[in-house]
Amino acid sequence: MVDVIVAEGLTKRFGRLTAVDGVSFRVKRGEIFGFLGPNGAGKTTTVRMLIGILPPDDGKAEVLGLNVQEKPVEVRKRIGVVPEASNVYLDLTVWQNLMFMGELYGVPQSVRKAKAKELLEFMGLLERRSEKAGRLSKGLRQRLLICMALMHEPSLLFLDEPTSGLDVQSARQIRQMLQKLNKESGTTIFLTTHNMWEAEELCHRIAIINHGKLAAINT
């Protein structure tokens, strides 16, 4: 299988603190890859280096065959990202959020509406398309974030703690939807989590990071 993510010796320092220390791993096309570790272990910092918004101090990363340091903008055009902190536009409706995101990604107007409808149906949000995002529960807002990240049909989706802070039922629904997305579309999924049980249930392979260093990885 083709590697869609290659991290080699990724290192990031903040002053005297080494947040990520020589991390190396590979993610294959079509798998759900879990990046497991406690809060503060270096998970989010690693993701930020992989998606090109934080340059590493040492090491390198390739995503979808592109050198992230050399072509960060091109990388971000071809991936979907769901950050831990919600970035939906609360005063816009569910539909307006998707239309805006589609426009940002350059999705042709002729395609935008059909894609938004397809995603909302898939995520069980179609009946709420006229509702303002600010009125959605946290679980439904997370579903909307995933829809927004998929508007341009990326082959690789990054999610940072996608079920953090959700109730048990909402977290289960998000996991089921991610599994369905991976199975039906072949989308590669890279997700961070601090929940061992969740990682084991959802992911094909898991890497464990602690104190900025890779402690273990499935091969």
N, C-alpha and C. Protein backbone atom coordinates (compact mmCIF):
# COMPACT_ATOMS: atom_id res chain seq x y z
N MET A 1 0.83 -1.20 0.00
CA MET A 1 0.00 0.00 0.00
C MET A 1 0.87 1.26 0.00
N VAL A 2 0.34 2.31 -0.60
CA VAL A 2 1.06 3.57 -0.69
C VAL A 2 1.01 4.31 0.65
N ASP A 3 2.13 4.91 1.05
CA ASP A 3 2.17 5.73 2.25
C ASP A 3 1.65 7.13 1.91
N VAL A 4 0.63 7.59 2.63
CA VAL A 4 0.10 8.93 2.39
C VAL A 4 0.66 9.94 3.40
N ILE A 5 1.19 9.43 4.51
CA ILE A 5 1.90 10.28 5.48
C ILE A 5 3.22 9.61 5.81
N VAL A 6 4.30 10.38 5.71
CA VAL A 6 5.62 9.90 6.13
C VAL A 6 6.23 10.95 7.04
N ALA A 7 6.41 10.60 8.30
CA ALA A 7 7.06 11.49 9.26
C ALA A 7 8.42 10.90 9.61
N GLU A 8 9.45 11.71 9.49
CA GLU A 8 10.82 11.25 9.77
C GLU A 8 11.51 12.21 10.73
N GLY A 9 11.69 11.77 11.95
CA GLY A 9 12.44 12.55 12.94
C GLY A 9 11.84 13.90 13.28
N LEU A 10 10.51 14.01 13.22
CA LEU A 10 9.87 15.30 13.50
C LEU A 10 10.17 15.77 14.92
N THR A 11 10.66 17.00 15.02
CA THR A 11 11.03 17.58 16.31
C THR A 11 10.55 19.02 16.37
N LYS A 12 9.97 19.39 17.51
CA LYS A 12 9.55 20.77 17.71
C LYS A 12 9.87 21.20 19.14
N ARG A 13 10.57 22.34 19.24
CA ARG A 13 10.93 22.88 20.54
C ARG A 13 10.25 24.23 20.75
N PHE A 14 9.84 24.47 21.97
CA PHE A 14 9.33 25.77 22.39
C PHE A 14 10.21 26.24 23.54
N GLY A 15 11.20 27.07 23.23
CA GLY A 15 12.17 27.44 24.25
C GLY A 15 12.96 26.22 24.69
N ARG A 16 12.96 25.95 26.00
CA ARG A 16 13.68 24.79 26.53
C ARG A 16 12.87 23.50 26.48
N LEU A 17 11.59 23.62 26.15
CA LEU A 17 10.70 22.46 26.11
C LEU A 17 10.74 21.81 24.73
N THR A 18 11.05 20.53 24.69
CA THR A 18 10.95 19.77 23.44
C THR A 18 9.59 19.09 23.43
N ALA A 19 8.65 19.67 22.66
CA ALA A 19 7.27 19.17 22.66
C ALA A 19 7.14 17.88 21.86
N VAL A 20 7.89 17.79 20.76
CA VAL A 20 7.91 16.57 19.93
C VAL A 20 9.37 16.26 19.66
N ASP A 21 9.77 15.02 19.93
CA ASP A 21 11.19 14.67 19.94
C ASP A 21 11.49 13.48 19.02
N GLY A 22 11.84 13.78 17.76
CA GLY A 22 12.30 12.75 16.84
C GLY A 22 11.26 11.70 16.47
N VAL A 23 10.04 12.14 16.21
CA VAL A 23 8.94 11.21 15.93
C VAL A 23 8.94 10.77 14.47
N SER A 24 8.87 9.46 14.25
CA SER A 24 8.84 8.88 12.90
C SER A 24 7.75 7.82 12.80
N PHE A 25 6.97 7.88 11.72
CA PHE A 25 5.96 6.84 11.45
C PHE A 25 5.46 7.02 10.03
N ARG A 26 4.71 6.03 9.55
CA ARG A 26 4.11 6.07 8.21
C ARG A 26 2.64 5.67 8.32
N VAL A 27 1.81 6.31 7.51
CA VAL A 27 0.38 5.98 7.45
C VAL A 27 0.05 5.57 6.02
N LYS A 28 -0.60 4.42 5.90
CA LYS A 28 -0.91 3.88 4.58
C LYS A 28 -2.27 4.36 4.07
N ARG A 29 -2.38 4.45 2.76
CA ARG A 29 -3.63 4.86 2.14
C ARG A 29 -4.77 3.92 2.56
N GLY A 30 -5.90 4.52 2.95
CA GLY A 30 -7.10 3.75 3.24
C GLY A 30 -7.23 3.27 4.67
N GLU A 31 -6.27 3.57 5.54
CA GLU A 31 -6.38 3.10 6.92
C GLU A 31 -6.86 4.21 7.85
N ILE A 32 -7.36 3.78 9.00
CA ILE A 32 -7.65 4.71 10.10
C ILE A 32 -6.49 4.56 11.08
N PHE A 33 -5.74 5.62 11.23
CA PHE A 33 -4.52 5.60 12.05
C PHE A 33 -4.75 6.43 13.30
N GLY A 34 -4.58 5.82 14.45
CA GLY A 34 -4.78 6.52 15.71
C GLY A 34 -3.47 6.97 16.33
N PHE A 35 -3.43 8.22 16.75
CA PHE A 35 -2.25 8.80 17.41
C PHE A 35 -2.65 9.03 18.85
N LEU A 36 -2.24 8.11 19.72
CA LEU A 36 -2.75 8.02 21.08
C LEU A 36 -1.76 8.57 22.09
N GLY A 37 -2.28 9.34 23.05
CA GLY A 37 -1.41 9.84 24.11
C GLY A 37 -2.19 10.74 25.06
N PRO A 38 -1.66 10.94 26.26
CA PRO A 38 -2.34 11.82 27.22
C PRO A 38 -2.27 13.28 26.77
N ASN A 39 -3.06 14.12 27.42
CA ASN A 39 -3.00 15.55 27.13
C ASN A 39 -1.59 16.07 27.37
N GLY A 40 -1.10 16.89 26.44
CA GLY A 40 0.24 17.44 26.58
C GLY A 40 1.35 16.54 26.08
N ALA A 41 0.98 15.41 25.45
CA ALA A 41 2.00 14.45 25.01
C ALA A 41 2.71 14.87 23.73
N GLY A 42 2.07 15.80 22.97
CA GLY A 42 2.66 16.23 21.70
C GLY A 42 1.81 15.88 20.49
N LYS A 43 0.59 15.41 20.70
CA LYS A 43 -0.28 14.99 19.61
C LYS A 43 -0.64 16.15 18.69
N THR A 44 -1.17 17.22 19.26
CA THR A 44 -1.62 18.35 18.44
C THR A 44 -0.44 19.03 17.76
N THR A 45 0.68 19.14 18.44
CA THR A 45 1.88 19.74 17.83
C THR A 45 2.31 18.93 16.62
N THR A 46 2.25 17.62 16.73
CA THR A 46 2.60 16.76 15.59
C THR A 46 1.65 16.99 14.43
N VAL A 47 0.35 17.04 14.71
CA VAL A 47 -0.63 17.29 13.64
C VAL A 47 -0.36 18.63 12.96
N ARG A 48 -0.06 19.65 13.74
CA ARG A 48 0.19 20.97 13.15
C ARG A 48 1.41 20.96 12.24
N MET A 49 2.39 20.15 12.57
CA MET A 49 3.54 20.03 11.67
C MET A 49 3.15 19.26 10.41
N LEU A 50 2.33 18.24 10.55
CA LEU A 50 1.93 17.44 9.40
C LEU A 50 1.06 18.21 8.41
N ILE A 51 0.25 19.15 8.91
CA ILE A 51 -0.63 19.89 8.02
C ILE A 51 -0.05 21.24 7.59
N GLY A 52 1.18 21.52 8.00
CA GLY A 52 1.90 22.66 7.45
C GLY A 52 1.65 23.99 8.10
N ILE A 53 1.10 24.00 9.31
CA ILE A 53 0.89 25.30 9.96
C ILE A 53 1.92 25.56 11.06
N LEU A 54 2.80 24.57 11.31
CA LEU A 54 3.87 24.73 12.30
C LEU A 54 5.12 24.06 11.74
N PRO A 55 6.17 24.82 11.46
CA PRO A 55 7.38 24.21 10.89
C PRO A 55 8.15 23.43 11.94
N PRO A 56 8.65 22.24 11.59
CA PRO A 56 9.48 21.50 12.55
C PRO A 56 10.85 22.13 12.69
N ASP A 57 11.48 21.92 13.83
CA ASP A 57 12.86 22.38 14.02
C ASP A 57 13.84 21.38 13.43
N ASP A 58 13.46 20.12 13.43
CA ASP A 58 14.25 19.07 12.80
C ASP A 58 13.29 18.05 12.19
N GLY A 59 13.83 17.25 11.26
CA GLY A 59 13.02 16.22 10.64
C GLY A 59 12.21 16.76 9.48
N LYS A 60 11.42 15.87 8.88
CA LYS A 60 10.60 16.28 7.74
C LYS A 60 9.33 15.44 7.68
N ALA A 61 8.37 15.94 6.91
CA ALA A 61 7.12 15.22 6.73
C ALA A 61 6.70 15.31 5.27
N GLU A 62 6.15 14.22 4.77
CA GLU A 62 5.53 14.19 3.45
C GLU A 62 4.08 13.78 3.63
N VAL A 63 3.19 14.50 2.97
CA VAL A 63 1.76 14.20 3.01
C VAL A 63 1.25 14.15 1.58
N LEU A 64 0.65 13.03 1.21
CA LEU A 64 0.15 12.81 -0.15
C LEU A 64 1.25 13.04 -1.18
N GLY A 65 2.46 12.62 -0.82
CA GLY A 65 3.59 12.74 -1.74
C GLY A 65 4.22 14.11 -1.82
N LEU A 66 3.75 15.06 -1.02
CA LEU A 66 4.26 16.43 -1.03
C LEU A 66 5.10 16.70 0.22
N ASN A 67 6.22 17.38 0.04
CA ASN A 67 7.02 17.82 1.17
C ASN A 67 6.29 18.98 1.86
N VAL A 68 5.90 18.76 3.11
CA VAL A 68 5.04 19.72 3.80
C VAL A 68 5.74 21.06 4.00
N GLN A 69 7.05 21.04 4.27
CA GLN A 69 7.77 22.29 4.48
C GLN A 69 7.90 23.10 3.19
N GLU A 70 8.01 22.40 2.07
CA GLU A 70 8.17 23.09 0.79
C GLU A 70 6.84 23.53 0.19
N LYS A 71 5.77 22.77 0.43
CA LYS A 71 4.48 23.05 -0.21
C LYS A 71 3.33 22.97 0.79
N PRO A 72 3.38 23.78 1.85
CA PRO A 72 2.33 23.68 2.88
C PRO A 72 0.94 24.06 2.37
N VAL A 73 0.87 25.06 1.50
CA VAL A 73 -0.44 25.50 1.00
C VAL A 73 -1.06 24.42 0.12
N GLU A 74 -0.24 23.81 -0.72
CA GLU A 74 -0.74 22.74 -1.59
C GLU A 74 -1.22 21.55 -0.76
N VAL A 75 -0.51 21.24 0.32
CA VAL A 75 -0.93 20.16 1.22
C VAL A 75 -2.30 20.47 1.80
N ARG A 76 -2.48 21.69 2.31
CA ARG A 76 -3.75 22.04 2.97
C ARG A 76 -4.91 22.06 2.00
N LYS A 77 -4.65 22.28 0.72
CA LYS A 77 -5.72 22.24 -0.28
C LYS A 77 -6.23 20.81 -0.50
N ARG A 78 -5.38 19.84 -0.21
CA ARG A 78 -5.70 18.45 -0.56
C ARG A 78 -6.12 17.59 0.62
N ILE A 79 -6.11 18.17 1.81
CA ILE A 79 -6.50 17.43 3.01
C ILE A 79 -7.71 18.07 3.67
N GLY A 80 -8.38 17.32 4.54
CA GLY A 80 -9.42 17.87 5.39
C GLY A 80 -8.93 17.88 6.83
N VAL A 81 -9.31 18.92 7.58
CA VAL A 81 -8.84 19.04 8.97
C VAL A 81 -10.02 19.39 9.88
N VAL A 82 -10.17 18.60 10.95
CA VAL A 82 -11.16 18.90 11.98
C VAL A 82 -10.39 19.16 13.27
N PRO A 83 -10.20 20.43 13.64
CA PRO A 83 -9.42 20.73 14.85
C PRO A 83 -10.21 20.41 16.12
N GLU A 84 -9.49 20.35 17.24
CA GLU A 84 -10.18 20.08 18.51
C GLU A 84 -11.10 21.23 18.88
N ALA A 85 -10.65 22.45 18.66
CA ALA A 85 -11.48 23.62 18.96
C ALA A 85 -12.43 23.86 17.80
N SER A 86 -13.70 23.96 18.10
CA SER A 86 -14.72 24.15 17.06
C SER A 86 -14.51 25.47 16.33
N ASN A 87 -14.55 25.43 14.99
CA ASN A 87 -14.42 26.67 14.23
C ASN A 87 -15.57 26.85 13.26
N VAL A 88 -16.77 26.39 13.66
CA VAL A 88 -17.95 26.67 12.85
C VAL A 88 -18.35 28.13 13.07
N TYR A 89 -19.06 28.67 12.11
CA TYR A 89 -19.54 30.05 12.22
C TYR A 89 -20.93 30.00 12.85
N LEU A 90 -20.98 30.38 14.12
CA LEU A 90 -22.17 30.14 14.95
C LEU A 90 -23.39 30.90 14.46
N ASP A 91 -23.20 32.08 13.85
CA ASP A 91 -24.34 32.88 13.40
C ASP A 91 -24.83 32.50 12.01
N LEU A 92 -24.11 31.59 11.35
CA LEU A 92 -24.54 31.10 10.05
C LEU A 92 -25.32 29.80 10.23
N THR A 93 -26.20 29.49 9.29
CA THR A 93 -26.90 28.22 9.34
C THR A 93 -25.95 27.09 8.97
N VAL A 94 -26.39 25.87 9.22
CA VAL A 94 -25.62 24.70 8.83
C VAL A 94 -25.31 24.75 7.34
N TRP A 95 -26.30 25.05 6.54
CA TRP A 95 -26.13 25.12 5.08
C TRP A 95 -25.14 26.21 4.69
N GLN A 96 -25.27 27.39 5.31
CA GLN A 96 -24.39 28.51 4.97
C GLN A 96 -22.93 28.20 5.34
N ASN A 97 -22.72 27.49 6.44
CA ASN A 97 -21.36 27.07 6.80
C ASN A 97 -20.75 26.22 5.71
N LEU A 98 -21.52 25.28 5.16
CA LEU A 98 -21.00 24.41 4.11
C LEU A 98 -20.77 25.17 2.81
N MET A 99 -21.68 26.07 2.48
CA MET A 99 -21.49 26.86 1.25
C MET A 99 -20.25 27.72 1.35
N PHE A 100 -20.03 28.31 2.52
CA PHE A 100 -18.85 29.15 2.72
C PHE A 100 -17.57 28.33 2.63
N MET A 101 -17.58 27.16 3.26
CA MET A 101 -16.39 26.32 3.21
C MET A 101 -16.11 25.83 1.80
N GLY A 102 -17.17 25.49 1.08
CA GLY A 102 -17.00 25.07 -0.31
C GLY A 102 -16.39 26.16 -1.15
N GLU A 103 -16.82 27.39 -0.91
CA GLU A 103 -16.27 28.54 -1.65
C GLU A 103 -14.79 28.74 -1.31
N LEU A 104 -14.44 28.60 -0.02
CA LEU A 104 -13.05 28.76 0.39
C LEU A 104 -12.14 27.74 -0.30
N TYR A 105 -12.65 26.52 -0.46
CA TYR A 105 -11.86 25.46 -1.08
C TYR A 105 -11.94 25.49 -2.61
N GLY A 106 -12.69 26.43 -3.14
CA GLY A 106 -12.77 26.53 -4.60
C GLY A 106 -13.64 25.47 -5.25
N VAL A 107 -14.58 24.90 -4.49
CA VAL A 107 -15.48 23.92 -5.07
C VAL A 107 -16.43 24.66 -6.03
N PRO A 108 -16.55 24.22 -7.27
CA PRO A 108 -17.43 24.91 -8.24
C PRO A 108 -18.85 25.03 -7.71
N GLN A 109 -19.46 26.15 -8.00
CA GLN A 109 -20.80 26.41 -7.48
C GLN A 109 -21.79 25.35 -7.93
N SER A 110 -21.59 24.83 -9.15
CA SER A 110 -22.49 23.81 -9.68
C SER A 110 -22.42 22.50 -8.89
N VAL A 111 -21.31 22.29 -8.21
CA VAL A 111 -21.09 21.05 -7.45
C VAL A 111 -21.42 21.24 -5.97
N ARG A 112 -21.28 22.48 -5.50
CA ARG A 112 -21.33 22.78 -4.07
C ARG A 112 -22.61 22.29 -3.38
N LYS A 113 -23.75 22.60 -3.98
CA LYS A 113 -25.03 22.27 -3.33
C LYS A 113 -25.24 20.77 -3.26
N ALA A 114 -24.92 20.07 -4.34
CA ALA A 114 -25.09 18.61 -4.35
C ALA A 114 -24.18 17.95 -3.33
N LYS A 115 -22.94 18.45 -3.22
CA LYS A 115 -21.99 17.87 -2.26
C LYS A 115 -22.45 18.13 -0.83
N ALA A 116 -22.93 19.34 -0.56
CA ALA A 116 -23.40 19.68 0.78
C ALA A 116 -24.58 18.80 1.17
N LYS A 117 -25.51 18.60 0.26
CA LYS A 117 -26.68 17.76 0.55
C LYS A 117 -26.25 16.32 0.83
N GLU A 118 -25.33 15.82 0.02
CA GLU A 118 -24.82 14.46 0.20
C GLU A 118 -24.18 14.28 1.58
N LEU A 119 -23.36 15.26 1.99
CA LEU A 119 -22.68 15.18 3.28
C LEU A 119 -23.66 15.29 4.44
N LEU A 120 -24.62 16.19 4.33
CA LEU A 120 -25.60 16.36 5.40
C LEU A 120 -26.46 15.11 5.56
N GLU A 121 -26.81 14.47 4.46
CA GLU A 121 -27.54 13.20 4.54
C GLU A 121 -26.69 12.15 5.23
N PHE A 122 -25.44 12.07 4.84
CA PHE A 122 -24.52 11.07 5.39
C PHE A 122 -24.36 11.25 6.90
N MET A 123 -24.29 12.51 7.35
CA MET A 123 -24.04 12.79 8.76
C MET A 123 -25.32 13.01 9.56
N GLY A 124 -26.49 12.81 8.93
CA GLY A 124 -27.75 12.95 9.64
C GLY A 124 -28.11 14.37 10.03
N LEU A 125 -27.71 15.32 9.19
CA LEU A 125 -27.94 16.73 9.51
C LEU A 125 -28.85 17.44 8.50
N LEU A 126 -29.36 16.73 7.51
CA LEU A 126 -30.10 17.39 6.44
C LEU A 126 -31.31 18.15 6.95
N GLU A 127 -32.01 17.58 7.93
CA GLU A 127 -33.21 18.24 8.45
C GLU A 127 -32.87 19.49 9.26
N ARG A 128 -31.60 19.67 9.59
CA ARG A 128 -31.19 20.84 10.38
C ARG A 128 -30.43 21.86 9.54
N ARG A 129 -30.50 21.75 8.22
CA ARG A 129 -29.67 22.61 7.38
C ARG A 129 -30.01 24.09 7.51
N SER A 130 -31.24 24.42 7.94
CA SER A 130 -31.63 25.82 8.08
C SER A 130 -31.44 26.35 9.50
N GLU A 131 -30.93 25.50 10.38
CA GLU A 131 -30.73 25.88 11.78
C GLU A 131 -29.37 26.55 11.95
N LYS A 132 -29.32 27.58 12.77
CA LYS A 132 -28.03 28.23 13.03
C LYS A 132 -27.10 27.27 13.78
N ALA A 133 -25.83 27.29 13.38
CA ALA A 133 -24.86 26.36 13.97
C ALA A 133 -24.74 26.55 15.47
N GLY A 134 -24.93 27.79 15.94
CA GLY A 134 -24.82 28.08 17.36
C GLY A 134 -25.88 27.41 18.21
N ARG A 135 -26.95 26.92 17.57
CA ARG A 135 -28.03 26.27 18.32
C ARG A 135 -27.87 24.75 18.35
N LEU A 136 -26.86 24.24 17.66
CA LEU A 136 -26.63 22.80 17.65
C LEU A 136 -25.96 22.33 18.94
N SER A 137 -26.23 21.09 19.32
CA SER A 137 -25.49 20.49 20.43
C SER A 137 -24.04 20.31 20.02
N LYS A 138 -23.17 20.03 20.99
CA LYS A 138 -21.75 19.86 20.67
C LYS A 138 -21.54 18.68 19.73
N GLY A 139 -22.30 17.61 19.93
CA GLY A 139 -22.17 16.45 19.06
C GLY A 139 -22.56 16.75 17.63
N LEU A 140 -23.67 17.47 17.43
CA LEU A 140 -24.10 17.83 16.08
C LEU A 140 -23.15 18.84 15.45
N ARG A 141 -22.60 19.71 16.27
CA ARG A 141 -21.63 20.68 15.75
C ARG A 141 -20.38 19.96 15.26
N GLN A 142 -20.01 18.90 15.96
CA GLN A 142 -18.84 18.12 15.52
C GLN A 142 -19.13 17.44 14.18
N ARG A 143 -20.34 16.96 14.00
CA ARG A 143 -20.72 16.38 12.71
C ARG A 143 -20.62 17.43 11.60
N LEU A 144 -21.06 18.65 11.90
CA LEU A 144 -20.98 19.73 10.93
C LEU A 144 -19.53 20.03 10.57
N LEU A 145 -18.65 20.04 11.56
CA LEU A 145 -17.23 20.27 11.30
C LEU A 145 -16.65 19.22 10.34
N ILE A 146 -17.07 17.98 10.52
CA ILE A 146 -16.59 16.92 9.64
C ILE A 146 -17.12 17.15 8.22
N CYS A 147 -18.40 17.52 8.11
CA CYS A 147 -18.95 17.86 6.79
C CYS A 147 -18.15 18.97 6.13
N MET A 148 -17.83 20.01 6.88
CA MET A 148 -17.10 21.15 6.33
C MET A 148 -15.72 20.72 5.83
N ALA A 149 -15.08 19.81 6.58
CA ALA A 149 -13.75 19.35 6.20
C ALA A 149 -13.77 18.46 4.97
N LEU A 150 -14.95 17.92 4.62
CA LEU A 150 -15.06 17.01 3.48
C LEU A 150 -15.66 17.65 2.23
N MET A 151 -15.93 18.94 2.27
CA MET A 151 -16.60 19.60 1.15
C MET A 151 -15.82 19.50 -0.16
N HIS A 152 -14.49 19.48 -0.08
CA HIS A 152 -13.68 19.43 -1.30
C HIS A 152 -13.19 18.01 -1.61
N GLU A 153 -13.81 17.02 -0.97
CA GLU A 153 -13.52 15.60 -1.21
C GLU A 153 -12.04 15.25 -1.03
N PRO A 154 -11.48 15.56 0.13
CA PRO A 154 -10.07 15.19 0.36
C PRO A 154 -9.93 13.67 0.52
N SER A 155 -8.79 13.15 0.13
CA SER A 155 -8.55 11.71 0.30
C SER A 155 -7.96 11.40 1.67
N LEU A 156 -7.59 12.46 2.42
CA LEU A 156 -6.97 12.31 3.74
C LEU A 156 -7.61 13.29 4.71
N LEU A 157 -8.08 12.76 5.84
CA LEU A 157 -8.77 13.57 6.84
C LEU A 157 -8.04 13.50 8.17
N PHE A 158 -7.68 14.67 8.73
CA PHE A 158 -7.07 14.77 10.06
C PHE A 158 -8.14 15.20 11.06
N LEU A 159 -8.22 14.51 12.18
CA LEU A 159 -9.14 14.90 13.25
C LEU A 159 -8.38 14.92 14.57
N ASP A 160 -8.47 16.04 15.28
CA ASP A 160 -7.78 16.20 16.56
C ASP A 160 -8.80 16.02 17.69
N GLU A 161 -8.70 14.90 18.40
CA GLU A 161 -9.62 14.58 19.51
C GLU A 161 -11.09 14.76 19.09
N PRO A 162 -11.56 14.01 18.08
CA PRO A 162 -12.89 14.27 17.52
C PRO A 162 -14.06 13.99 18.46
N THR A 163 -13.84 13.18 19.51
CA THR A 163 -14.95 12.89 20.43
C THR A 163 -14.75 13.50 21.81
N SER A 164 -13.73 14.33 21.96
CA SER A 164 -13.44 14.94 23.27
C SER A 164 -14.61 15.81 23.73
N GLY A 165 -15.06 15.58 24.95
CA GLY A 165 -16.12 16.40 25.52
C GLY A 165 -17.53 16.01 25.11
N LEU A 166 -17.66 14.95 24.29
CA LEU A 166 -18.99 14.52 23.85
C LEU A 166 -19.56 13.49 24.82
N ASP A 167 -20.89 13.41 24.88
CA ASP A 167 -21.51 12.36 25.68
C ASP A 167 -21.29 11.01 24.99
N VAL A 168 -21.57 9.94 25.70
CA VAL A 168 -21.26 8.59 25.22
C VAL A 168 -21.95 8.30 23.88
N GLN A 169 -23.22 8.66 23.76
CA GLN A 169 -23.95 8.36 22.53
C GLN A 169 -23.41 9.16 21.35
N SER A 170 -23.15 10.45 21.56
CA SER A 170 -22.63 11.29 20.48
C SER A 170 -21.26 10.81 20.03
N ALA A 171 -20.41 10.42 20.99
CA ALA A 171 -19.08 9.92 20.65
C ALA A 171 -19.18 8.64 19.83
N ARG A 172 -20.10 7.74 20.22
CA ARG A 172 -20.29 6.50 19.48
C ARG A 172 -20.75 6.78 18.06
N GLN A 173 -21.65 7.74 17.89
CA GLN A 173 -22.15 8.08 16.55
C GLN A 173 -21.04 8.64 15.67
N ILE A 174 -20.17 9.47 16.25
CA ILE A 174 -19.04 10.01 15.47
C ILE A 174 -18.13 8.87 15.03
N ARG A 175 -17.82 7.95 15.93
CA ARG A 175 -16.96 6.81 15.57
C ARG A 175 -17.58 5.98 14.45
N GLN A 176 -18.87 5.71 14.56
CA GLN A 176 -19.54 4.92 13.53
C GLN A 176 -19.52 5.62 12.18
N MET A 177 -19.71 6.93 12.19
CA MET A 177 -19.71 7.68 10.94
C MET A 177 -18.32 7.70 10.31
N LEU A 178 -17.29 7.79 11.13
CA LEU A 178 -15.92 7.77 10.60
C LEU A 178 -15.59 6.40 10.01
N GLN A 179 -16.03 5.34 10.67
CA GLN A 179 -15.82 4.00 10.13
C GLN A 179 -16.55 3.83 8.80
N LYS A 180 -17.76 4.33 8.73
CA LYS A 180 -18.54 4.24 7.50
C LYS A 180 -17.89 5.05 6.38
N LEU A 181 -17.41 6.24 6.70
CA LEU A 181 -16.72 7.08 5.72
C LEU A 181 -15.50 6.36 5.16
N ASN A 182 -14.72 5.78 6.04
CA ASN A 182 -13.52 5.06 5.63
C ASN A 182 -13.85 3.85 4.77
N LYS A 183 -14.87 3.11 5.15
CA LYS A 183 -15.24 1.90 4.43
C LYS A 183 -15.84 2.21 3.07
N GLU A 184 -16.71 3.22 2.99
CA GLU A 184 -17.45 3.48 1.76
C GLU A 184 -16.67 4.33 0.76
N SER A 185 -15.84 5.26 1.25
CA SER A 185 -15.14 6.16 0.32
C SER A 185 -13.64 5.89 0.26
N GLY A 186 -13.13 5.08 1.20
CA GLY A 186 -11.70 4.82 1.22
C GLY A 186 -10.87 5.96 1.77
N THR A 187 -11.52 6.94 2.39
CA THR A 187 -10.81 8.08 2.95
C THR A 187 -9.84 7.63 4.04
N THR A 188 -8.59 8.05 3.93
CA THR A 188 -7.61 7.78 4.98
C THR A 188 -7.88 8.73 6.14
N ILE A 189 -7.86 8.21 7.35
CA ILE A 189 -8.17 9.02 8.52
C ILE A 189 -7.02 8.96 9.52
N PHE A 190 -6.55 10.13 9.93
CA PHE A 190 -5.53 10.27 10.97
C PHE A 190 -6.20 10.99 12.13
N LEU A 191 -6.31 10.33 13.27
CA LEU A 191 -6.97 11.00 14.39
C LEU A 191 -6.14 10.88 15.66
N THR A 192 -6.22 11.93 16.45
CA THR A 192 -5.58 11.90 17.77
C THR A 192 -6.64 11.61 18.82
N THR A 193 -6.22 10.94 19.87
CA THR A 193 -7.13 10.64 20.97
C THR A 193 -6.31 10.34 22.22
N HIS A 194 -6.93 10.56 23.38
CA HIS A 194 -6.30 10.15 24.63
C HIS A 194 -6.98 8.91 25.19
N ASN A 195 -7.94 8.37 24.41
CA ASN A 195 -8.77 7.27 24.87
C ASN A 195 -8.31 5.95 24.24
N MET A 196 -7.67 5.09 25.02
CA MET A 196 -7.16 3.82 24.51
C MET A 196 -8.27 2.94 23.95
N TRP A 197 -9.39 2.87 24.66
CA TRP A 197 -10.50 2.04 24.20
C TRP A 197 -11.01 2.52 22.85
N GLU A 198 -11.15 3.83 22.69
CA GLU A 198 -11.62 4.38 21.43
C GLU A 198 -10.65 4.06 20.29
N ALA A 199 -9.36 4.21 20.56
CA ALA A 199 -8.36 3.93 19.54
C ALA A 199 -8.40 2.48 19.10
N GLU A 200 -8.55 1.57 20.06
CA GLU A 200 -8.59 0.14 19.74
C GLU A 200 -9.84 -0.22 18.95
N GLU A 201 -10.96 0.42 19.27
CA GLU A 201 -12.22 0.12 18.59
C GLU A 201 -12.24 0.66 17.16
N LEU A 202 -11.67 1.84 16.97
CA LEU A 202 -11.84 2.57 15.72
C LEU A 202 -10.70 2.39 14.72
N CYS A 203 -9.48 2.22 15.21
CA CYS A 203 -8.31 2.34 14.33
C CYS A 203 -7.76 1.00 13.87
N HIS A 204 -7.22 1.01 12.65
CA HIS A 204 -6.53 -0.16 12.13
C HIS A 204 -5.15 -0.29 12.77
N ARG A 205 -4.48 0.84 12.96
CA ARG A 205 -3.18 0.85 13.62
C ARG A 205 -3.11 2.03 14.57
N ILE A 206 -2.23 1.89 15.58
CA ILE A 206 -2.11 2.92 16.61
C ILE A 206 -0.63 3.20 16.88
N ALA A 207 -0.32 4.49 17.02
CA ALA A 207 0.99 4.91 17.54
C ALA A 207 0.75 5.60 18.87
N ILE A 208 1.63 5.36 19.83
CA ILE A 208 1.49 5.96 21.16
C ILE A 208 2.62 6.96 21.37
N ILE A 209 2.24 8.19 21.73
CA ILE A 209 3.22 9.23 22.01
C ILE A 209 3.10 9.65 23.48
N ASN A 210 4.24 9.86 24.12
CA ASN A 210 4.24 10.29 25.51
C ASN A 210 5.47 11.15 25.75
N HIS A 211 5.27 12.30 26.38
CA HIS A 211 6.36 13.24 26.63
C HIS A 211 7.11 13.55 25.33
N GLY A 212 6.36 13.64 24.23
CA GLY A 212 6.96 14.05 22.96
C GLY A 212 7.67 12.96 22.18
N LYS A 213 7.76 11.76 22.76
CA LYS A 213 8.47 10.67 22.09
C LYS A 213 7.52 9.53 21.74
N LEU A 214 7.78 8.88 20.62
CA LEU A 214 6.98 7.74 20.22
C LEU A 214 7.33 6.55 21.11
N ALA A 215 6.33 6.06 21.83
CA ALA A 215 6.56 4.97 22.78
C ALA A 215 6.32 3.60 22.15
N ALA A 216 5.39 3.54 21.19
CA ALA A 216 5.07 2.25 20.56
C ALA A 216 4.27 2.53 19.29
N ILE A 217 4.29 1.55 18.35
CA ILE A 217 3.51 1.67 17.12
C ILE A 217 3.23 0.28 16.58
N ASN A 218 1.98 0.10 16.07
CA ASN A 218 1.65 -1.14 15.37
C ASN A 218 2.37 -1.16 14.03
N THR A 219 2.86 -2.30 13.62
CA THR A 219 3.52 -2.41 12.31
C THR A 219 2.81 -3.45 11.46
